[in-house]
């Protein structure tokens, strides 16, 4: 009897905590997407489309796309034979685009 009550209490506790954890991660995702939209100076329909895509994407997808962007920017900088400050400026601009 005690183990049944204990099990029921544990299940209730786990069920109560799950939505809170999801809400926290969703809030973080919303903050991140808002910051990116603001950084890109998006407005109106462009912002709506960006937010929809950003909020629906998986975190792993975002890392992969950032890694791909880094590879592309590095390749462009290498092709242009950029070095030093010129390369730094180019990379900053390329990665923020």
PDB file of N, CA and C in Angstrom:
ATOM      1  N   UNK A   1       0.818  -1.185   0.000  1.00  0.00           N
ATOM      2  CA  UNK A   1       0.000   0.000   0.000  1.00  0.00           C
ATOM      3  C   UNK A   1       0.875   1.269   0.000  1.00  0.00           C
ATOM      4  N   UNK A   2       1.903   1.275   0.861  1.00  0.00           N
ATOM      5  CA  UNK A   2       2.790   2.435   0.924  1.00  0.00           C
ATOM      6  C   UNK A   2       3.514   2.639  -0.399  1.00  0.00           C
ATOM      7  N   UNK A   3       3.955   1.552  -1.021  1.00  0.00           N
ATOM      8  CA  UNK A   3       4.681   1.684  -2.286  1.00  0.00           C
ATOM      9  C   UNK A   3       3.766   2.181  -3.397  1.00  0.00           C
ATOM     10  N   UNK A   4       2.494   1.818  -3.353  1.00  0.00           N
ATOM     11  CA  UNK A   4       1.541   2.283  -4.355  1.00  0.00           C
ATOM     12  C   UNK A   4       1.325   3.786  -4.219  1.00  0.00           C
ATOM     13  N   UNK A   5       1.183   4.259  -2.998  1.00  0.00           N
ATOM     14  CA  UNK A   5       1.000   5.682  -2.751  1.00  0.00           C
ATOM     15  C   UNK A   5       2.254   6.453  -3.144  1.00  0.00           C
ATOM     16  N   UNK A   6       3.405   5.915  -2.783  1.00  0.00           N
ATOM     17  CA  UNK A   6       4.671   6.555  -3.125  1.00  0.00           C
ATOM     18  C   UNK A   6       4.843   6.640  -4.639  1.00  0.00           C
ATOM     19  N   UNK A   7       4.516   5.575  -5.334  1.00  0.00           N
ATOM     20  CA  UNK A   7       4.611   5.551  -6.793  1.00  0.00           C
ATOM     21  C   UNK A   7       3.674   6.584  -7.400  1.00  0.00           C
ATOM     22  N   UNK A   8       2.463   6.656  -6.895  1.00  0.00           N
ATOM     23  CA  UNK A   8       1.494   7.619  -7.401  1.00  0.00           C
ATOM     24  C   UNK A   8       1.984   9.050  -7.189  1.00  0.00           C
ATOM     25  N   UNK A   9       2.550   9.313  -6.036  1.00  0.00           N
ATOM     26  CA  UNK A   9       3.083  10.645  -5.752  1.00  0.00           C
ATOM     27  C   UNK A   9       4.248  10.994  -6.675  1.00  0.00           C
ATOM     28  N   UNK A  10       5.109  10.032  -6.936  1.00  0.00           N
ATOM     29  CA  UNK A  10       6.241  10.269  -7.844  1.00  0.00           C
ATOM     30  C   UNK A  10       5.762  10.554  -9.261  1.00  0.00           C
ATOM     31  N   UNK A  11       4.761   9.830  -9.703  1.00  0.00           N
ATOM     32  CA  UNK A  11       4.215  10.045 -11.044  1.00  0.00           C
ATOM     33  C   UNK A  11       3.592  11.435 -11.131  1.00  0.00           C
ATOM     34  N   UNK A  12       2.845  11.825 -10.106  1.00  0.00           N
ATOM     35  CA  UNK A  12       2.242  13.155 -10.098  1.00  0.00           C
ATOM     36  C   UNK A  12       3.300  14.252 -10.100  1.00  0.00           C
ATOM     37  N   UNK A  13       4.338  14.064  -9.326  1.00  0.00           N
ATOM     38  CA  UNK A  13       5.411  15.059  -9.269  1.00  0.00           C
ATOM     39  C   UNK A  13       6.102  15.179 -10.619  1.00  0.00           C
ATOM     40  N   UNK A  14       6.396  14.066 -11.248  1.00  0.00           N
ATOM     41  CA  UNK A  14       7.060  14.088 -12.554  1.00  0.00           C
ATOM     42  C   UNK A  14       6.171  14.735 -13.609  1.00  0.00           C
ATOM     43  N   UNK A  15       4.880  14.457 -13.552  1.00  0.00           N
ATOM     44  CA  UNK A  15       3.943  15.030 -14.511  1.00  0.00           C
ATOM     45  C   UNK A  15       3.821  16.532 -14.313  1.00  0.00           C
ATOM     46  N   UNK A  16       3.846  16.965 -13.081  1.00  0.00           N
ATOM     47  CA  UNK A  16       3.730  18.397 -12.789  1.00  0.00           C
ATOM     48  C   UNK A  16       4.970  19.160 -13.224  1.00  0.00           C
ATOM     49  N   UNK A  17       6.134  18.545 -13.171  1.00  0.00           N
ATOM     50  CA  UNK A  17       7.378  19.231 -13.516  1.00  0.00           C
ATOM     51  C   UNK A  17       7.647  19.272 -15.016  1.00  0.00           C
ATOM     52  N   UNK A  18       7.133  18.323 -15.769  1.00  0.00           N
ATOM     53  CA  UNK A  18       7.415  18.248 -17.201  1.00  0.00           C
ATOM     54  C   UNK A  18       6.982  19.501 -17.958  1.00  0.00           C
ATOM     55  N   UNK A  19       5.762  20.029 -17.775  1.00  0.00           N
ATOM     56  CA  UNK A  19       5.393  21.237 -18.515  1.00  0.00           C
ATOM     57  C   UNK A  19       6.251  22.440 -18.141  1.00  0.00           C
ATOM     58  N   UNK A  20       6.677  22.528 -16.908  1.00  0.00           N
ATOM     59  CA  UNK A  20       7.521  23.648 -16.488  1.00  0.00           C
ATOM     60  C   UNK A  20       8.863  23.605 -17.211  1.00  0.00           C
ATOM     61  N   UNK A  21       9.426  22.438 -17.365  1.00  0.00           N
ATOM     62  CA  UNK A  21      10.700  22.305 -18.070  1.00  0.00           C
ATOM     63  C   UNK A  21      10.532  22.660 -19.542  1.00  0.00           C
ATOM     64  N   UNK A  22       9.430  22.224 -20.137  1.00  0.00           N
ATOM     65  CA  UNK A  22       9.178  22.527 -21.540  1.00  0.00           C
ATOM     66  C   UNK A  22       8.996  24.020 -21.728  1.00  0.00           C
ATOM     67  N   UNK A  23       8.236  24.647 -20.829  1.00  0.00           N
ATOM     68  CA  UNK A  23       7.988  26.085 -20.931  1.00  0.00           C
ATOM     69  C   UNK A  23       9.293  26.866 -20.823  1.00  0.00           C
ATOM     70  N   UNK A  24      10.185  26.443 -19.943  1.00  0.00           N
ATOM     71  CA  UNK A  24      11.465  27.121 -19.799  1.00  0.00           C
ATOM     72  C   UNK A  24      12.286  27.061 -21.065  1.00  0.00           C
ATOM     73  N   UNK A  25      12.357  25.893 -21.688  1.00  0.00           N
ATOM     74  CA  UNK A  25      13.141  25.770 -22.915  1.00  0.00           C
ATOM     75  C   UNK A  25      12.478  26.530 -24.061  1.00  0.00           C
ATOM     76  N   UNK A  26      11.162  26.548 -24.095  1.00  0.00           N
ATOM     77  CA  UNK A  26      10.443  27.279 -25.137  1.00  0.00           C
ATOM     78  C   UNK A  26      10.653  28.785 -24.960  1.00  0.00           C
ATOM     79  N   UNK A  27      10.677  29.234 -23.717  1.00  0.00           N
ATOM     80  CA  UNK A  27      10.928  30.652 -23.455  1.00  0.00           C
ATOM     81  C   UNK A  27      12.334  31.044 -23.901  1.00  0.00           C
ATOM     82  N   UNK A  28      13.306  30.182 -23.651  1.00  0.00           N
ATOM     83  CA  UNK A  28      14.678  30.453 -24.077  1.00  0.00           C
ATOM     84  C   UNK A  28      14.760  30.520 -25.600  1.00  0.00           C
ATOM     85  N   UNK A  29      14.044  29.620 -26.259  1.00  0.00           N
ATOM     86  CA  UNK A  29      14.038  29.606 -27.718  1.00  0.00           C
ATOM     87  C   UNK A  29      13.417  30.903 -28.249  1.00  0.00           C
ATOM     88  N   UNK A  30      12.351  31.347 -27.607  1.00  0.00           N
ATOM     89  CA  UNK A  30      11.686  32.584 -28.017  1.00  0.00           C
ATOM     90  C   UNK A  30      12.623  33.779 -27.848  1.00  0.00           C
ATOM     91  N   UNK A  31      13.355  33.825 -26.730  1.00  0.00           N
ATOM     92  CA  UNK A  31      14.306  34.910 -26.497  1.00  0.00           C
ATOM     93  C   UNK A  31      15.382  34.920 -27.574  1.00  0.00           C
ATOM     94  N   UNK A  32      15.904  33.752 -27.880  1.00  0.00           N
ATOM     95  CA  UNK A  32      16.963  33.641 -28.887  1.00  0.00           C
ATOM     96  C   UNK A  32      16.460  34.078 -30.260  1.00  0.00           C
ATOM     97  N   UNK A  33      15.291  33.598 -30.638  1.00  0.00           N
ATOM     98  CA  UNK A  33      14.737  33.952 -31.948  1.00  0.00           C
ATOM     99  C   UNK A  33      14.439  35.447 -32.035  1.00  0.00           C
ATOM    100  N   UNK A  34      13.894  36.027 -30.959  1.00  0.00           N
ATOM    101  CA  UNK A  34      13.631  37.465 -30.940  1.00  0.00           C
ATOM    102  C   UNK A  34      14.913  38.264 -31.097  1.00  0.00           C
ATOM    103  N   UNK A  35      15.947  37.838 -30.409  1.00  0.00           N
ATOM    104  CA  UNK A  35      17.233  38.545 -30.498  1.00  0.00           C
ATOM    105  C   UNK A  35      17.784  38.477 -31.921  1.00  0.00           C
ATOM    106  N   UNK A  36      17.679  37.310 -32.546  1.00  0.00           N
ATOM    107  CA  UNK A  36      18.177  37.177 -33.914  1.00  0.00           C
ATOM    108  C   UNK A  36      17.370  38.040 -34.879  1.00  0.00           C
ATOM    109  N   UNK A  37      16.052  38.065 -34.706  1.00  0.00           N
ATOM    110  CA  UNK A  37      15.201  38.877 -35.580  1.00  0.00           C
ATOM    111  C   UNK A  37      15.531  40.356 -35.418  1.00  0.00           C
ATOM    112  N   UNK A  38      15.778  40.784 -34.197  1.00  0.00           N
ATOM    113  CA  UNK A  38      16.127  42.182 -33.939  1.00  0.00           C
ATOM    114  C   UNK A  38      17.487  42.514 -34.555  1.00  0.00           C
ATOM    115  N   UNK A  39      18.436  41.593 -34.401  1.00  0.00           N
ATOM    116  CA  UNK A  39      19.777  41.789 -34.957  1.00  0.00           C
ATOM    117  C   UNK A  39      19.730  41.932 -36.476  1.00  0.00           C
ATOM    118  N   UNK A  40      18.830  41.173 -37.102  1.00  0.00           N
ATOM    119  CA  UNK A  40      18.695  41.216 -38.560  1.00  0.00           C
ATOM    120  C   UNK A  40      17.782  42.352 -39.018  1.00  0.00           C
ATOM    121  N   UNK A  41      17.222  43.104 -38.057  1.00  0.00           N
ATOM    122  CA  UNK A  41      16.329  44.236 -38.335  1.00  0.00           C
ATOM    123  C   UNK A  41      15.146  43.810 -39.202  1.00  0.00           C
ATOM    124  N   UNK A  42      14.555  42.672 -38.868  1.00  0.00           N
ATOM    125  CA  UNK A  42      13.405  42.176 -39.617  1.00  0.00           C
ATOM    126  C   UNK A  42      12.128  42.835 -39.115  1.00  0.00           C
ATOM    127  N   UNK A  43      11.181  43.011 -40.018  1.00  0.00           N
ATOM    128  CA  UNK A  43       9.899  43.573 -39.619  1.00  0.00           C
ATOM    129  C   UNK A  43       8.778  42.954 -40.446  1.00  0.00           C
ATOM    130  N   UNK A  44       7.591  43.073 -39.937  1.00  0.00           N
ATOM    131  CA  UNK A  44       6.369  42.655 -40.605  1.00  0.00           C
ATOM    132  C   UNK A  44       6.407  41.187 -41.055  1.00  0.00           C
ATOM    133  N   UNK A  45       6.122  40.946 -42.329  1.00  0.00           N
ATOM    134  CA  UNK A  45       6.016  39.581 -42.834  1.00  0.00           C
ATOM    135  C   UNK A  45       7.344  38.827 -42.779  1.00  0.00           C
ATOM    136  N   UNK A  46       8.446  39.534 -43.018  1.00  0.00           N
ATOM    137  CA  UNK A  46       9.758  38.886 -42.938  1.00  0.00           C
ATOM    138  C   UNK A  46      10.023  38.381 -41.525  1.00  0.00           C
ATOM    139  N   UNK A  47       9.661  39.198 -40.532  1.00  0.00           N
ATOM    140  CA  UNK A  47       9.853  38.808 -39.132  1.00  0.00           C
ATOM    141  C   UNK A  47       8.973  37.615 -38.773  1.00  0.00           C
ATOM    142  N   UNK A  48       7.725  37.648 -39.222  1.00  0.00           N
ATOM    143  CA  UNK A  48       6.802  36.533 -38.943  1.00  0.00           C
ATOM    144  C   UNK A  48       7.336  35.226 -39.530  1.00  0.00           C
ATOM    145  N   UNK A  49       7.792  35.290 -40.768  1.00  0.00           N
ATOM    146  CA  UNK A  49       8.320  34.094 -41.423  1.00  0.00           C
ATOM    147  C   UNK A  49       9.575  33.593 -40.706  1.00  0.00           C
ATOM    148  N   UNK A  50      10.446  34.531 -40.330  1.00  0.00           N
ATOM    149  CA  UNK A  50      11.667  34.149 -39.618  1.00  0.00           C
ATOM    150  C   UNK A  50      11.331  33.508 -38.277  1.00  0.00           C
ATOM    151  N   UNK A  51      10.431  34.129 -37.525  1.00  0.00           N
ATOM    152  CA  UNK A  51      10.063  33.605 -36.203  1.00  0.00           C
ATOM    153  C   UNK A  51       9.433  32.225 -36.319  1.00  0.00           C
ATOM    154  N   UNK A  52       8.602  32.024 -37.312  1.00  0.00           N
ATOM    155  CA  UNK A  52       7.974  30.714 -37.511  1.00  0.00           C
ATOM    156  C   UNK A  52       9.040  29.657 -37.756  1.00  0.00           C
ATOM    157  N   UNK A  53       9.964  29.961 -38.632  1.00  0.00           N
ATOM    158  CA  UNK A  53      11.044  29.027 -38.949  1.00  0.00           C
ATOM    159  C   UNK A  53      11.947  28.793 -37.745  1.00  0.00           C
ATOM    160  N   UNK A  54      12.315  29.873 -37.075  1.00  0.00           N
ATOM    161  CA  UNK A  54      13.226  29.792 -35.937  1.00  0.00           C
ATOM    162  C   UNK A  54      12.620  28.982 -34.789  1.00  0.00           C
ATOM    163  N   UNK A  55      11.361  29.236 -34.479  1.00  0.00           N
ATOM    164  CA  UNK A  55      10.716  28.544 -33.358  1.00  0.00           C
ATOM    165  C   UNK A  55      10.411  27.083 -33.670  1.00  0.00           C
ATOM    166  N   UNK A  56      10.272  26.755 -34.938  1.00  0.00           N
ATOM    167  CA  UNK A  56       9.962  25.369 -35.287  1.00  0.00           C
ATOM    168  C   UNK A  56      11.206  24.515 -35.502  1.00  0.00           C
ATOM    169  N   UNK A  57      12.369  25.160 -35.657  1.00  0.00           N
ATOM    170  CA  UNK A  57      13.589  24.396 -35.915  1.00  0.00           C
ATOM    171  C   UNK A  57      14.116  23.736 -34.651  1.00  0.00           C
ATOM    172  N   UNK A  58      14.804  22.677 -34.848  1.00  0.00           N
ATOM    173  CA  UNK A  58      15.418  21.943 -33.744  1.00  0.00           C
ATOM    174  C   UNK A  58      16.776  22.579 -33.442  1.00  0.00           C
ATOM    175  N   UNK A  59      17.214  22.566 -32.178  1.00  0.00           N
ATOM    176  CA  UNK A  59      18.516  23.156 -31.847  1.00  0.00           C
ATOM    177  C   UNK A  59      19.666  22.575 -32.657  1.00  0.00           C
ATOM    178  N   UNK A  60      19.640  21.290 -32.929  1.00  0.00           N
ATOM    179  CA  UNK A  60      20.718  20.672 -33.699  1.00  0.00           C
ATOM    180  C   UNK A  60      20.779  21.254 -35.106  1.00  0.00           C
ATOM    181  N   UNK A  61      19.602  21.555 -35.688  1.00  0.00           N
ATOM    182  CA  UNK A  61      19.565  22.137 -37.021  1.00  0.00           C
ATOM    183  C   UNK A  61      20.241  23.502 -37.032  1.00  0.00           C
ATOM    184  N   UNK A  62      20.019  24.259 -35.993  1.00  0.00           N
ATOM    185  CA  UNK A  62      20.603  25.586 -35.917  1.00  0.00           C
ATOM    186  C   UNK A  62      22.122  25.500 -35.853  1.00  0.00           C
ATOM    187  N   UNK A  63      22.641  24.571 -35.061  1.00  0.00           N
ATOM    188  CA  UNK A  63      24.087  24.404 -34.973  1.00  0.00           C
ATOM    189  C   UNK A  63      24.648  23.999 -36.323  1.00  0.00           C
ATOM    190  N   UNK A  64      23.977  23.094 -36.984  1.00  0.00           N
ATOM    191  CA  UNK A  64      24.445  22.626 -38.277  1.00  0.00           C
ATOM    192  C   UNK A  64      24.466  23.772 -39.282  1.00  0.00           C
ATOM    193  N   UNK A  65      23.409  24.585 -39.299  1.00  0.00           N
ATOM    194  CA  UNK A  65      23.382  25.682 -40.258  1.00  0.00           C
ATOM    195  C   UNK A  65      24.466  26.711 -39.931  1.00  0.00           C
ATOM    196  N   UNK A  66      24.734  26.947 -38.660  1.00  0.00           N
ATOM    197  CA  UNK A  66      25.809  27.873 -38.269  1.00  0.00           C
ATOM    198  C   UNK A  66      27.164  27.315 -38.678  1.00  0.00           C
ATOM    199  N   UNK A  67      27.338  26.018 -38.522  1.00  0.00           N
ATOM    200  CA  UNK A  67      28.597  25.387 -38.925  1.00  0.00           C
ATOM    201  C   UNK A  67      28.769  25.491 -40.433  1.00  0.00           C
ATOM    202  N   UNK A  68      27.689  25.284 -41.170  1.00  0.00           N
ATOM    203  CA  UNK A  68      27.755  25.397 -42.624  1.00  0.00           C
ATOM    204  C   UNK A  68      28.091  26.830 -43.040  1.00  0.00           C
ATOM    205  N   UNK A  69      27.503  27.785 -42.345  1.00  0.00           N
ATOM    206  CA  UNK A  69      27.777  29.184 -42.632  1.00  0.00           C
ATOM    207  C   UNK A  69      29.252  29.503 -42.386  1.00  0.00           C
ATOM    208  N   UNK A  70      29.787  28.965 -41.301  1.00  0.00           N
ATOM    209  CA  UNK A  70      31.195  29.182 -40.967  1.00  0.00           C
ATOM    210  C   UNK A  70      32.090  28.592 -42.055  1.00  0.00           C
ATOM    211  N   UNK A  71      31.767  27.400 -42.504  1.00  0.00           N
ATOM    212  CA  UNK A  71      32.558  26.774 -43.570  1.00  0.00           C
ATOM    213  C   UNK A  71      32.524  27.615 -44.841  1.00  0.00           C
ATOM    214  N   UNK A  72      31.335  28.080 -45.202  1.00  0.00           N
ATOM    215  CA  UNK A  72      31.183  28.881 -46.418  1.00  0.00           C
ATOM    216  C   UNK A  72      31.964  30.186 -46.316  1.00  0.00           C
ATOM    217  N   UNK A  73      31.829  30.862 -45.181  1.00  0.00           N
ATOM    218  CA  UNK A  73      32.543  32.137 -44.992  1.00  0.00           C
ATOM    219  C   UNK A  73      34.057  31.931 -45.004  1.00  0.00           C
ATOM    220  N   UNK A  74      34.523  30.865 -44.359  1.00  0.00           N
ATOM    221  CA  UNK A  74      35.959  30.561 -44.371  1.00  0.00           C
ATOM    222  C   UNK A  74      36.459  30.311 -45.781  1.00  0.00           C
ATOM    223  N   UNK A  75      35.669  29.571 -46.553  1.00  0.00           N
ATOM    224  CA  UNK A  75      36.063  29.276 -47.927  1.00  0.00           C
ATOM    225  C   UNK A  75      36.140  30.559 -48.759  1.00  0.00           C
ATOM    226  N   UNK A  76      35.168  31.453 -48.573  1.00  0.00           N
ATOM    227  CA  UNK A  76      35.184  32.719 -49.302  1.00  0.00           C
ATOM    228  C   UNK A  76      36.388  33.575 -48.908  1.00  0.00           C
ATOM    229  N   UNK A  77      36.666  33.630 -47.609  1.00  0.00           N
ATOM    230  CA  UNK A  77      37.821  34.425 -47.141  1.00  0.00           C
ATOM    231  C   UNK A  77      39.117  33.860 -47.702  1.00  0.00           C
ATOM    232  N   UNK A  78      39.209  32.538 -47.744  1.00  0.00           N
ATOM    233  CA  UNK A  78      40.415  31.908 -48.286  1.00  0.00           C
ATOM    234  C   UNK A  78      40.545  32.194 -49.782  1.00  0.00           C
ATOM    235  N   UNK A  79      39.424  32.111 -50.516  1.00  0.00           N
ATOM    236  CA  UNK A  79      39.439  32.372 -51.953  1.00  0.00           C
ATOM    237  C   UNK A  79      39.853  33.807 -52.251  1.00  0.00           C
ATOM    238  N   UNK A  80      39.489  34.730 -51.361  1.00  0.00           N
ATOM    239  CA  UNK A  80      39.845  36.134 -51.539  1.00  0.00           C
ATOM    240  C   UNK A  80      41.230  36.457 -50.964  1.00  0.00           C
ATOM    241  N   UNK A  81      41.875  35.460 -50.391  1.00  0.00           N
ATOM    242  CA  UNK A  81      43.206  35.599 -49.790  1.00  0.00           C
ATOM    243  C   UNK A  81      43.232  36.708 -48.734  1.00  0.00           C
ATOM    244  N   UNK A  82      42.194  36.752 -47.907  1.00  0.00           N
ATOM    245  CA  UNK A  82      42.120  37.760 -46.853  1.00  0.00           C
ATOM    246  C   UNK A  82      42.913  37.320 -45.637  1.00  0.00           C
ATOM    247  N   UNK A  83      43.510  38.289 -44.954  1.00  0.00           N
ATOM    248  CA  UNK A  83      44.272  38.000 -43.737  1.00  0.00           C
ATOM    249  C   UNK A  83      44.147  39.168 -42.772  1.00  0.00           C
ATOM    250  N   UNK A  84      44.418  38.887 -41.514  1.00  0.00           N
ATOM    251  CA  UNK A  84      44.437  39.930 -40.487  1.00  0.00           C
ATOM    252  C   UNK A  84      43.107  40.624 -40.290  1.00  0.00           C
ATOM    253  N   UNK A  85      43.156  41.964 -40.203  1.00  0.00           N
ATOM    254  CA  UNK A  85      41.951  42.757 -39.952  1.00  0.00           C
ATOM    255  C   UNK A  85      40.933  42.624 -41.073  1.00  0.00           C
ATOM    256  N   UNK A  86      41.415  42.543 -42.307  1.00  0.00           N
ATOM    257  CA  UNK A  86      40.495  42.409 -43.438  1.00  0.00           C
ATOM    258  C   UNK A  86      39.687  41.117 -43.322  1.00  0.00           C
ATOM    259  N   UNK A  87      40.375  40.046 -42.932  1.00  0.00           N
ATOM    260  CA  UNK A  87      39.685  38.762 -42.765  1.00  0.00           C
ATOM    261  C   UNK A  87      38.688  38.833 -41.613  1.00  0.00           C
ATOM    262  N   UNK A  88      39.089  39.453 -40.515  1.00  0.00           N
ATOM    263  CA  UNK A  88      38.202  39.580 -39.353  1.00  0.00           C
ATOM    264  C   UNK A  88      36.935  40.349 -39.710  1.00  0.00           C
ATOM    265  N   UNK A  89      37.096  41.458 -40.408  1.00  0.00           N
ATOM    266  CA  UNK A  89      35.944  42.262 -40.820  1.00  0.00           C
ATOM    267  C   UNK A  89      35.030  41.468 -41.750  1.00  0.00           C
ATOM    268  N   UNK A  90      35.650  40.780 -42.707  1.00  0.00           N
ATOM    269  CA  UNK A  90      34.871  39.984 -43.645  1.00  0.00           C
ATOM    270  C   UNK A  90      34.094  38.890 -42.928  1.00  0.00           C
ATOM    271  N   UNK A  91      34.749  38.180 -42.028  1.00  0.00           N
ATOM    272  CA  UNK A  91      34.098  37.076 -41.307  1.00  0.00           C
ATOM    273  C   UNK A  91      32.946  37.589 -40.460  1.00  0.00           C
ATOM    274  N   UNK A  92      33.142  38.715 -39.816  1.00  0.00           N
ATOM    275  CA  UNK A  92      32.077  39.290 -38.976  1.00  0.00           C
ATOM    276  C   UNK A  92      30.860  39.612 -39.838  1.00  0.00           C
ATOM    277  N   UNK A  93      31.107  40.239 -40.979  1.00  0.00           N
ATOM    278  CA  UNK A  93      30.011  40.599 -41.870  1.00  0.00           C
ATOM    279  C   UNK A  93      29.349  39.346 -42.457  1.00  0.00           C
ATOM    280  N   UNK A  94      30.154  38.407 -42.889  1.00  0.00           N
ATOM    281  CA  UNK A  94      29.634  37.191 -43.518  1.00  0.00           C
ATOM    282  C   UNK A  94      28.791  36.384 -42.543  1.00  0.00           C
ATOM    283  N   UNK A  95      29.249  36.220 -41.313  1.00  0.00           N
ATOM    284  CA  UNK A  95      28.520  35.420 -40.334  1.00  0.00           C
ATOM    285  C   UNK A  95      27.259  36.101 -39.820  1.00  0.00           C
ATOM    286  N   UNK A  96      27.208  37.414 -39.876  1.00  0.00           N
ATOM    287  CA  UNK A  96      26.023  38.112 -39.401  1.00  0.00           C
ATOM    288  C   UNK A  96      24.952  38.244 -40.479  1.00  0.00           C
ATOM    289  N   UNK A  97      25.315  37.985 -41.712  1.00  0.00           N
ATOM    290  CA  UNK A  97      24.352  38.093 -42.817  1.00  0.00           C
ATOM    291  C   UNK A  97      23.370  36.947 -42.826  1.00  0.00           C
TER     292      UNK A  97
END
